[in-house]
Amino acid sequence: MSRPERTTLDEEPTLEDLAVIERQLGRPPRAVVSIAHRCPCGCPTVVRTEPRLPDGTPFPTTFYATCPRLTGAISTLETSGMMKEMSDRLEDDDTLRAEYVQAHEDYLRRREELAHVPEIAGISAGGMPNRVKCLHVLVAHALAAGPGVNPLGDEAVEALPDWWVEGCCGALEPPEQA
């Protein structure tokens, strides 16, 4: 399988990016700080978000997958039992557990770079550091941070099919042309 570029991005979203993300999500994006990863087609796939939404709600999901083809592929992995297998391995593998704790700390550090939100202090996402409860977050973190930061996110990325090979998710085209 070919792999998407895994270079960490920190690109300020353009108005076009925000319009693409809105089409991907089917709703206006909230609190987007930067584009953290792009699909080979050019669409944003992962955004970095403020830890507090504009309405004041704490939002611990710093890295948020937006591409519907990517999120669909991740959902397929979740239904395959991968999360339970990963959680079981965390209980038995001290090295993996230590690396996953480091991933949790990396996630927290990157969120704190944006703002301190006391309500979610110490809480990362995706079940880190003790279990795996959301592959979407782990994949988003792995794609945004690059290889070697989140070991279970890296495993999930490697298990994904090439979600982009059928072409763009369609979000690059305005709705009247899609």
N, C-alpha and C. Protein backbone atom coordinates (compact mmCIF):
# COMPACT_ATOMS: atom_id res chain seq x y z
N MET A 1 0.82 -1.18 0.00
CA MET A 1 0.00 0.00 0.00
C MET A 1 0.87 1.25 0.00
N SER A 2 0.47 2.24 -0.76
CA SER A 2 1.17 3.51 -0.66
C SER A 2 0.69 4.24 0.59
N ARG A 3 1.44 5.17 1.04
CA ARG A 3 1.13 5.88 2.27
C ARG A 3 1.01 7.36 1.99
N PRO A 4 0.11 8.06 2.68
CA PRO A 4 0.06 9.51 2.53
C PRO A 4 1.26 10.14 3.22
N GLU A 5 1.60 11.33 2.80
CA GLU A 5 2.68 12.08 3.44
C GLU A 5 2.36 12.22 4.93
N ARG A 6 3.36 12.02 5.79
CA ARG A 6 3.14 12.09 7.23
C ARG A 6 3.92 13.25 7.85
N THR A 7 4.18 14.28 7.07
CA THR A 7 4.89 15.44 7.59
C THR A 7 3.92 16.31 8.38
N THR A 8 4.32 16.72 9.54
CA THR A 8 3.50 17.58 10.37
C THR A 8 3.28 18.91 9.67
N LEU A 9 2.03 19.32 9.57
CA LEU A 9 1.69 20.61 9.01
C LEU A 9 1.18 21.52 10.12
N ASP A 10 1.32 22.78 9.92
CA ASP A 10 0.74 23.77 10.81
C ASP A 10 0.37 24.96 9.93
N GLU A 11 -0.52 24.69 8.97
CA GLU A 11 -0.90 25.69 7.98
C GLU A 11 -2.14 26.44 8.43
N GLU A 12 -2.08 27.75 8.37
CA GLU A 12 -3.26 28.54 8.68
C GLU A 12 -4.33 28.21 7.63
N PRO A 13 -5.55 27.90 8.06
CA PRO A 13 -6.57 27.54 7.09
C PRO A 13 -6.99 28.75 6.25
N THR A 14 -7.12 28.53 4.96
CA THR A 14 -7.63 29.58 4.08
C THR A 14 -9.15 29.53 4.11
N LEU A 15 -9.77 30.54 3.54
CA LEU A 15 -11.23 30.53 3.43
C LEU A 15 -11.69 29.32 2.61
N GLU A 16 -10.90 28.98 1.58
CA GLU A 16 -11.24 27.80 0.78
C GLU A 16 -11.13 26.52 1.62
N ASP A 17 -10.07 26.41 2.44
CA ASP A 17 -9.95 25.25 3.33
C ASP A 17 -11.18 25.13 4.23
N LEU A 18 -11.60 26.24 4.82
CA LEU A 18 -12.75 26.21 5.73
C LEU A 18 -14.02 25.81 5.00
N ALA A 19 -14.17 26.26 3.74
CA ALA A 19 -15.32 25.85 2.94
C ALA A 19 -15.27 24.35 2.63
N VAL A 20 -14.08 23.85 2.33
CA VAL A 20 -13.91 22.41 2.07
C VAL A 20 -14.27 21.61 3.33
N ILE A 21 -13.76 22.05 4.46
CA ILE A 21 -14.04 21.35 5.72
C ILE A 21 -15.54 21.36 6.02
N GLU A 22 -16.19 22.48 5.75
CA GLU A 22 -17.64 22.55 5.97
C GLU A 22 -18.37 21.53 5.09
N ARG A 23 -17.93 21.39 3.84
CA ARG A 23 -18.55 20.38 2.96
C ARG A 23 -18.23 18.97 3.46
N GLN A 24 -17.01 18.75 3.94
CA GLN A 24 -16.65 17.43 4.47
C GLN A 24 -17.52 17.06 5.67
N LEU A 25 -17.68 18.00 6.58
CA LEU A 25 -18.40 17.72 7.83
C LEU A 25 -19.91 17.86 7.71
N GLY A 26 -20.36 18.62 6.72
CA GLY A 26 -21.79 18.88 6.60
C GLY A 26 -22.27 19.92 7.61
N ARG A 27 -21.34 20.67 8.15
CA ARG A 27 -21.65 21.74 9.11
C ARG A 27 -20.46 22.69 9.14
N PRO A 28 -20.65 23.90 9.63
CA PRO A 28 -19.51 24.81 9.72
C PRO A 28 -18.46 24.26 10.69
N PRO A 29 -17.18 24.39 10.32
CA PRO A 29 -16.12 23.95 11.25
C PRO A 29 -16.06 24.91 12.43
N ARG A 30 -15.61 24.37 13.57
CA ARG A 30 -15.54 25.19 14.77
C ARG A 30 -14.11 25.22 15.29
N ALA A 31 -13.65 26.41 15.62
CA ALA A 31 -12.39 26.62 16.34
C ALA A 31 -11.17 26.03 15.65
N VAL A 32 -11.15 26.00 14.32
CA VAL A 32 -10.01 25.47 13.58
C VAL A 32 -8.84 26.45 13.68
N VAL A 33 -7.72 25.95 14.16
CA VAL A 33 -6.50 26.75 14.28
C VAL A 33 -5.62 26.55 13.06
N SER A 34 -5.49 25.30 12.63
CA SER A 34 -4.61 25.03 11.50
C SER A 34 -4.99 23.72 10.81
N ILE A 35 -4.47 23.59 9.61
CA ILE A 35 -4.56 22.33 8.88
C ILE A 35 -3.35 21.52 9.31
N ALA A 36 -3.58 20.37 9.89
CA ALA A 36 -2.50 19.55 10.43
C ALA A 36 -2.07 18.44 9.48
N HIS A 37 -2.93 18.08 8.54
CA HIS A 37 -2.60 17.04 7.56
C HIS A 37 -3.50 17.22 6.35
N ARG A 38 -2.96 16.92 5.18
CA ARG A 38 -3.74 16.96 3.94
C ARG A 38 -3.70 15.61 3.25
N CYS A 39 -4.77 15.30 2.59
CA CYS A 39 -4.89 14.12 1.75
C CYS A 39 -4.01 14.31 0.51
N PRO A 40 -3.57 13.24 -0.12
CA PRO A 40 -2.83 13.41 -1.37
C PRO A 40 -3.61 14.21 -2.42
N CYS A 41 -4.95 14.26 -2.33
CA CYS A 41 -5.73 15.06 -3.29
C CYS A 41 -5.69 16.54 -2.97
N GLY A 42 -5.17 16.90 -1.79
CA GLY A 42 -5.06 18.30 -1.42
C GLY A 42 -6.05 18.76 -0.36
N CYS A 43 -7.11 17.99 -0.15
CA CYS A 43 -8.10 18.36 0.86
C CYS A 43 -7.52 18.25 2.26
N PRO A 44 -7.98 19.10 3.17
CA PRO A 44 -7.62 18.88 4.57
C PRO A 44 -8.16 17.52 5.03
N THR A 45 -7.37 16.79 5.80
CA THR A 45 -7.85 15.54 6.39
C THR A 45 -7.89 15.63 7.90
N VAL A 46 -6.98 16.42 8.49
CA VAL A 46 -6.94 16.59 9.94
C VAL A 46 -6.75 18.07 10.23
N VAL A 47 -7.59 18.58 11.13
CA VAL A 47 -7.44 19.96 11.57
C VAL A 47 -7.04 19.97 13.04
N ARG A 48 -6.39 21.04 13.42
CA ARG A 48 -6.04 21.27 14.82
C ARG A 48 -7.03 22.31 15.34
N THR A 49 -7.66 22.01 16.46
CA THR A 49 -8.72 22.87 16.97
C THR A 49 -8.38 23.44 18.34
N GLU A 50 -8.97 24.57 18.62
CA GLU A 50 -8.85 25.19 19.94
C GLU A 50 -9.44 24.25 20.99
N PRO A 51 -8.89 24.26 22.19
CA PRO A 51 -9.43 23.39 23.24
C PRO A 51 -10.70 23.94 23.89
N ARG A 52 -11.16 25.08 23.44
CA ARG A 52 -12.43 25.62 23.89
C ARG A 52 -13.17 26.14 22.66
N LEU A 53 -14.40 25.66 22.45
CA LEU A 53 -15.18 26.09 21.29
C LEU A 53 -15.64 27.53 21.49
N PRO A 54 -16.05 28.19 20.41
CA PRO A 54 -16.47 29.59 20.52
C PRO A 54 -17.60 29.83 21.54
N ASP A 55 -18.43 28.81 21.78
CA ASP A 55 -19.51 28.99 22.76
C ASP A 55 -19.05 28.75 24.20
N GLY A 56 -17.74 28.46 24.37
CA GLY A 56 -17.19 28.25 25.70
C GLY A 56 -17.07 26.80 26.13
N THR A 57 -17.60 25.88 25.34
CA THR A 57 -17.55 24.46 25.67
C THR A 57 -16.12 23.93 25.57
N PRO A 58 -15.61 23.25 26.61
CA PRO A 58 -14.29 22.61 26.50
C PRO A 58 -14.32 21.55 25.40
N PHE A 59 -13.25 21.49 24.60
CA PHE A 59 -13.19 20.55 23.49
C PHE A 59 -11.82 19.88 23.49
N PRO A 60 -11.74 18.67 24.07
CA PRO A 60 -10.44 18.02 24.21
C PRO A 60 -9.84 17.47 22.92
N THR A 61 -10.63 17.36 21.85
CA THR A 61 -10.15 16.75 20.62
C THR A 61 -9.36 17.76 19.80
N THR A 62 -8.09 17.86 20.10
CA THR A 62 -7.21 18.83 19.44
C THR A 62 -7.02 18.50 17.97
N PHE A 63 -6.87 17.22 17.64
CA PHE A 63 -6.68 16.79 16.25
C PHE A 63 -7.94 16.07 15.81
N TYR A 64 -8.58 16.61 14.77
CA TYR A 64 -9.91 16.16 14.37
C TYR A 64 -9.87 15.77 12.89
N ALA A 65 -10.20 14.51 12.61
CA ALA A 65 -10.23 14.03 11.22
C ALA A 65 -11.49 14.56 10.54
N THR A 66 -11.33 15.13 9.34
CA THR A 66 -12.46 15.74 8.65
C THR A 66 -12.85 15.03 7.35
N CYS A 67 -11.93 14.37 6.69
CA CYS A 67 -12.20 13.74 5.40
C CYS A 67 -13.17 12.58 5.56
N PRO A 68 -14.31 12.60 4.88
CA PRO A 68 -15.27 11.51 5.04
C PRO A 68 -14.76 10.15 4.58
N ARG A 69 -13.90 10.13 3.57
CA ARG A 69 -13.33 8.84 3.14
C ARG A 69 -12.39 8.29 4.20
N LEU A 70 -11.60 9.17 4.80
CA LEU A 70 -10.70 8.74 5.87
C LEU A 70 -11.51 8.28 7.09
N THR A 71 -12.47 9.07 7.51
CA THR A 71 -13.23 8.70 8.72
C THR A 71 -14.02 7.41 8.49
N GLY A 72 -14.50 7.20 7.27
CA GLY A 72 -15.19 5.94 6.97
C GLY A 72 -14.26 4.75 7.06
N ALA A 73 -13.04 4.91 6.54
CA ALA A 73 -12.05 3.82 6.63
C ALA A 73 -11.68 3.54 8.08
N ILE A 74 -11.55 4.59 8.89
CA ILE A 74 -11.24 4.40 10.31
C ILE A 74 -12.39 3.68 11.01
N SER A 75 -13.61 4.05 10.68
CA SER A 75 -14.78 3.38 11.29
C SER A 75 -14.77 1.88 10.99
N THR A 76 -14.36 1.53 9.79
CA THR A 76 -14.26 0.11 9.43
C THR A 76 -13.24 -0.60 10.32
N LEU A 77 -12.11 0.06 10.59
CA LEU A 77 -11.12 -0.53 11.50
C LEU A 77 -11.71 -0.69 12.90
N GLU A 78 -12.46 0.31 13.35
CA GLU A 78 -13.04 0.23 14.69
C GLU A 78 -13.98 -0.97 14.82
N THR A 79 -14.77 -1.22 13.78
CA THR A 79 -15.71 -2.35 13.85
C THR A 79 -15.03 -3.70 13.71
N SER A 80 -13.75 -3.70 13.31
CA SER A 80 -13.02 -4.95 13.13
C SER A 80 -12.51 -5.55 14.44
N GLY A 81 -12.62 -4.80 15.53
CA GLY A 81 -12.11 -5.28 16.81
C GLY A 81 -10.71 -4.78 17.13
N MET A 82 -10.17 -3.90 16.30
CA MET A 82 -8.80 -3.41 16.50
C MET A 82 -8.63 -2.71 17.84
N MET A 83 -9.64 -1.95 18.27
CA MET A 83 -9.50 -1.21 19.53
C MET A 83 -9.36 -2.15 20.72
N LYS A 84 -10.14 -3.21 20.75
CA LYS A 84 -10.06 -4.16 21.86
C LYS A 84 -8.71 -4.86 21.85
N GLU A 85 -8.25 -5.25 20.68
CA GLU A 85 -6.94 -5.92 20.57
C GLU A 85 -5.83 -4.99 21.06
N MET A 86 -5.90 -3.72 20.68
CA MET A 86 -4.89 -2.75 21.11
C MET A 86 -4.95 -2.55 22.63
N SER A 87 -6.16 -2.42 23.17
CA SER A 87 -6.32 -2.24 24.62
C SER A 87 -5.78 -3.45 25.38
N ASP A 88 -6.03 -4.65 24.85
CA ASP A 88 -5.51 -5.87 25.48
C ASP A 88 -3.97 -5.85 25.48
N ARG A 89 -3.39 -5.44 24.37
CA ARG A 89 -1.93 -5.37 24.28
C ARG A 89 -1.35 -4.36 25.26
N LEU A 90 -2.06 -3.27 25.49
CA LEU A 90 -1.59 -2.27 26.45
C LEU A 90 -1.45 -2.86 27.85
N GLU A 91 -2.35 -3.77 28.20
CA GLU A 91 -2.29 -4.40 29.52
C GLU A 91 -1.07 -5.30 29.67
N ASP A 92 -0.62 -5.91 28.57
CA ASP A 92 0.43 -6.92 28.62
C ASP A 92 1.82 -6.44 28.23
N ASP A 93 1.91 -5.30 27.56
CA ASP A 93 3.18 -4.86 26.98
C ASP A 93 3.63 -3.56 27.64
N ASP A 94 4.60 -3.67 28.54
CA ASP A 94 5.08 -2.50 29.28
C ASP A 94 5.68 -1.44 28.36
N THR A 95 6.40 -1.87 27.33
CA THR A 95 7.02 -0.92 26.41
C THR A 95 5.95 -0.15 25.65
N LEU A 96 4.96 -0.86 25.12
CA LEU A 96 3.88 -0.22 24.39
C LEU A 96 3.13 0.75 25.31
N ARG A 97 2.87 0.32 26.52
CA ARG A 97 2.15 1.17 27.48
C ARG A 97 2.94 2.46 27.73
N ALA A 98 4.25 2.36 27.91
CA ALA A 98 5.08 3.55 28.15
C ALA A 98 5.07 4.48 26.93
N GLU A 99 5.13 3.91 25.74
CA GLU A 99 5.09 4.73 24.52
C GLU A 99 3.73 5.41 24.36
N TYR A 100 2.66 4.72 24.75
CA TYR A 100 1.32 5.29 24.66
C TYR A 100 1.13 6.41 25.68
N VAL A 101 1.74 6.28 26.85
CA VAL A 101 1.73 7.37 27.83
C VAL A 101 2.45 8.58 27.25
N GLN A 102 3.56 8.36 26.55
CA GLN A 102 4.27 9.47 25.90
C GLN A 102 3.41 10.13 24.83
N ALA A 103 2.63 9.32 24.09
CA ALA A 103 1.71 9.88 23.09
C ALA A 103 0.66 10.76 23.77
N HIS A 104 0.13 10.29 24.88
CA HIS A 104 -0.83 11.05 25.68
C HIS A 104 -0.21 12.39 26.10
N GLU A 105 1.02 12.35 26.59
CA GLU A 105 1.71 13.57 27.02
C GLU A 105 1.96 14.52 25.85
N ASP A 106 2.29 13.96 24.69
CA ASP A 106 2.48 14.78 23.49
C ASP A 106 1.18 15.48 23.13
N TYR A 107 0.08 14.74 23.17
CA TYR A 107 -1.24 15.31 22.85
C TYR A 107 -1.56 16.46 23.79
N LEU A 108 -1.34 16.24 25.09
CA LEU A 108 -1.61 17.28 26.08
C LEU A 108 -0.73 18.51 25.85
N ARG A 109 0.55 18.28 25.56
CA ARG A 109 1.47 19.39 25.32
C ARG A 109 1.02 20.22 24.13
N ARG A 110 0.65 19.55 23.04
CA ARG A 110 0.22 20.27 21.84
C ARG A 110 -1.06 21.06 22.09
N ARG A 111 -1.96 20.52 22.91
CA ARG A 111 -3.19 21.26 23.24
C ARG A 111 -2.86 22.47 24.12
N GLU A 112 -2.00 22.27 25.09
CA GLU A 112 -1.62 23.37 26.00
C GLU A 112 -0.93 24.50 25.25
N GLU A 113 -0.27 24.19 24.12
CA GLU A 113 0.33 25.24 23.29
C GLU A 113 -0.73 26.22 22.81
N LEU A 114 -1.95 25.73 22.66
CA LEU A 114 -3.04 26.57 22.17
C LEU A 114 -3.71 27.35 23.29
N ALA A 115 -3.99 26.67 24.40
CA ALA A 115 -4.65 27.32 25.55
C ALA A 115 -4.75 26.32 26.68
N HIS A 116 -4.81 26.84 27.87
CA HIS A 116 -5.05 26.01 29.06
C HIS A 116 -6.54 26.06 29.37
N VAL A 117 -7.15 24.89 29.43
CA VAL A 117 -8.57 24.79 29.76
C VAL A 117 -8.66 23.88 30.98
N PRO A 118 -8.87 24.45 32.16
CA PRO A 118 -8.83 23.67 33.40
C PRO A 118 -9.77 22.46 33.42
N GLU A 119 -10.92 22.58 32.78
CA GLU A 119 -11.90 21.50 32.81
C GLU A 119 -11.41 20.21 32.14
N ILE A 120 -10.45 20.35 31.22
CA ILE A 120 -9.95 19.17 30.51
C ILE A 120 -8.46 18.94 30.75
N ALA A 121 -7.89 19.64 31.70
CA ALA A 121 -6.47 19.48 32.01
C ALA A 121 -6.18 18.02 32.35
N GLY A 122 -5.16 17.46 31.74
CA GLY A 122 -4.76 16.08 32.00
C GLY A 122 -5.55 15.04 31.23
N ILE A 123 -6.59 15.45 30.54
CA ILE A 123 -7.43 14.53 29.76
C ILE A 123 -7.06 14.72 28.29
N SER A 124 -6.58 13.65 27.67
CA SER A 124 -6.27 13.78 26.24
C SER A 124 -7.49 13.34 25.44
N ALA A 125 -7.36 12.32 24.65
CA ALA A 125 -8.48 11.87 23.82
C ALA A 125 -8.22 10.45 23.35
N GLY A 126 -9.24 9.81 22.87
CA GLY A 126 -9.09 8.49 22.29
C GLY A 126 -8.83 7.37 23.28
N GLY A 127 -8.98 7.67 24.59
CA GLY A 127 -8.73 6.66 25.61
C GLY A 127 -7.33 6.70 26.19
N MET A 128 -6.46 7.55 25.60
CA MET A 128 -5.10 7.64 26.12
C MET A 128 -5.15 8.10 27.57
N PRO A 129 -4.30 7.63 28.42
CA PRO A 129 -3.17 6.74 28.19
C PRO A 129 -3.45 5.28 28.56
N ASN A 130 -4.68 4.94 28.96
CA ASN A 130 -4.93 3.61 29.52
C ASN A 130 -5.62 2.62 28.61
N ARG A 131 -6.32 3.10 27.60
CA ARG A 131 -7.06 2.19 26.73
C ARG A 131 -7.24 2.85 25.37
N VAL A 132 -7.85 2.12 24.46
CA VAL A 132 -8.14 2.65 23.13
C VAL A 132 -9.65 2.68 22.98
N LYS A 133 -10.20 3.90 22.85
CA LYS A 133 -11.64 3.99 22.70
C LYS A 133 -12.07 4.74 21.45
N CYS A 134 -11.10 5.32 20.70
CA CYS A 134 -11.45 6.04 19.48
C CYS A 134 -10.25 6.06 18.53
N LEU A 135 -10.32 5.25 17.49
CA LEU A 135 -9.23 5.24 16.51
C LEU A 135 -9.19 6.52 15.69
N HIS A 136 -10.34 7.21 15.55
CA HIS A 136 -10.36 8.45 14.80
C HIS A 136 -9.36 9.45 15.40
N VAL A 137 -9.36 9.57 16.72
CA VAL A 137 -8.45 10.50 17.39
C VAL A 137 -7.01 10.03 17.26
N LEU A 138 -6.78 8.73 17.42
CA LEU A 138 -5.41 8.22 17.34
C LEU A 138 -4.83 8.39 15.95
N VAL A 139 -5.64 8.13 14.92
CA VAL A 139 -5.18 8.33 13.54
C VAL A 139 -4.93 9.81 13.28
N ALA A 140 -5.85 10.66 13.72
CA ALA A 140 -5.68 12.10 13.51
C ALA A 140 -4.39 12.59 14.18
N HIS A 141 -4.15 12.13 15.40
CA HIS A 141 -2.93 12.52 16.12
C HIS A 141 -1.70 12.01 15.36
N ALA A 142 -1.73 10.76 14.93
CA ALA A 142 -0.59 10.17 14.22
C ALA A 142 -0.32 10.89 12.90
N LEU A 143 -1.36 11.21 12.15
CA LEU A 143 -1.16 11.92 10.88
C LEU A 143 -0.63 13.33 11.12
N ALA A 144 -1.15 13.99 12.16
CA ALA A 144 -0.73 15.36 12.44
C ALA A 144 0.67 15.43 13.03
N ALA A 145 1.00 14.52 13.92
CA ALA A 145 2.29 14.56 14.62
C ALA A 145 3.42 13.93 13.84
N GLY A 146 3.09 13.04 12.92
CA GLY A 146 4.11 12.33 12.16
C GLY A 146 4.43 10.99 12.80
N PRO A 147 5.14 10.14 12.09
CA PRO A 147 5.44 8.80 12.58
C PRO A 147 6.27 8.82 13.86
N GLY A 148 6.03 7.83 14.71
CA GLY A 148 6.83 7.64 15.91
C GLY A 148 6.33 8.36 17.14
N VAL A 149 5.25 9.12 17.04
CA VAL A 149 4.74 9.85 18.19
C VAL A 149 3.65 9.06 18.90
N ASN A 150 2.73 8.48 18.14
CA ASN A 150 1.63 7.71 18.72
C ASN A 150 1.68 6.30 18.14
N PRO A 151 2.21 5.33 18.90
CA PRO A 151 2.43 4.00 18.32
C PRO A 151 1.15 3.32 17.86
N LEU A 152 0.07 3.47 18.59
CA LEU A 152 -1.17 2.81 18.18
C LEU A 152 -1.84 3.58 17.05
N GLY A 153 -1.68 4.89 17.04
CA GLY A 153 -2.15 5.66 15.90
C GLY A 153 -1.38 5.28 14.64
N ASP A 154 -0.05 5.09 14.77
CA ASP A 154 0.75 4.65 13.62
C ASP A 154 0.27 3.30 13.10
N GLU A 155 -0.02 2.37 14.01
CA GLU A 155 -0.51 1.05 13.60
C GLU A 155 -1.83 1.17 12.84
N ALA A 156 -2.71 2.01 13.34
CA ALA A 156 -4.00 2.19 12.66
C ALA A 156 -3.81 2.82 11.29
N VAL A 157 -2.92 3.81 11.17
CA VAL A 157 -2.65 4.42 9.86
C VAL A 157 -2.15 3.35 8.90
N GLU A 158 -1.24 2.51 9.35
CA GLU A 158 -0.71 1.45 8.49
C GLU A 158 -1.78 0.43 8.08
N ALA A 159 -2.79 0.25 8.91
CA ALA A 159 -3.86 -0.71 8.62
C ALA A 159 -4.92 -0.14 7.69
N LEU A 160 -4.92 1.16 7.50
CA LEU A 160 -5.94 1.79 6.64
C LEU A 160 -5.72 1.45 5.18
N PRO A 161 -6.81 1.31 4.43
CA PRO A 161 -6.66 1.21 2.98
C PRO A 161 -6.28 2.59 2.44
N ASP A 162 -5.92 2.66 1.19
CA ASP A 162 -5.60 3.94 0.56
C ASP A 162 -6.92 4.65 0.25
N TRP A 163 -7.43 5.38 1.22
CA TRP A 163 -8.76 5.97 1.14
C TRP A 163 -8.88 6.99 0.01
N TRP A 164 -7.79 7.53 -0.47
CA TRP A 164 -7.79 8.60 -1.45
C TRP A 164 -7.76 8.12 -2.89
N VAL A 165 -7.53 6.81 -3.14
CA VAL A 165 -7.28 6.35 -4.51
C VAL A 165 -8.48 6.48 -5.43
N GLU A 166 -9.66 6.53 -4.90
CA GLU A 166 -10.85 6.71 -5.74
C GLU A 166 -11.06 8.17 -6.11
N GLY A 167 -10.14 9.01 -5.73
CA GLY A 167 -10.24 10.44 -6.03
C GLY A 167 -10.66 11.21 -4.80
N CYS A 168 -10.77 12.48 -5.00
CA CYS A 168 -11.11 13.39 -3.90
C CYS A 168 -12.47 13.03 -3.32
N CYS A 169 -12.63 13.35 -2.06
CA CYS A 169 -13.92 13.10 -1.39
C CYS A 169 -15.01 13.99 -1.96
N GLY A 170 -14.67 14.85 -2.90
CA GLY A 170 -15.66 15.73 -3.51
C GLY A 170 -15.76 17.07 -2.84
N ALA A 171 -15.10 17.22 -1.72
CA ALA A 171 -15.22 18.45 -0.95
C ALA A 171 -14.51 19.64 -1.62
N LEU A 172 -13.62 19.38 -2.58
CA LEU A 172 -12.96 20.49 -3.25
C LEU A 172 -13.90 21.24 -4.19
N GLU A 173 -14.95 20.54 -4.64
CA GLU A 173 -15.90 21.17 -5.56
C GLU A 173 -17.03 21.81 -4.78
N PRO A 174 -17.39 23.03 -5.15
CA PRO A 174 -18.55 23.66 -4.50
C PRO A 174 -19.79 22.78 -4.70
N PRO A 175 -20.77 22.86 -3.80
CA PRO A 175 -21.94 21.98 -3.86
C PRO A 175 -22.66 21.96 -5.20
N GLU A 176 -22.76 23.09 -5.91
CA GLU A 176 -23.47 23.12 -7.19
C GLU A 176 -22.75 22.31 -8.26
N GLN A 177 -21.45 22.02 -8.06
CA GLN A 177 -20.68 21.25 -9.04
C GLN A 177 -20.47 19.81 -8.59
N ALA A 178 -20.70 19.52 -7.32
CA ALA A 178 -20.42 18.18 -6.79
C ALA A 178 -21.42 17.18 -7.28
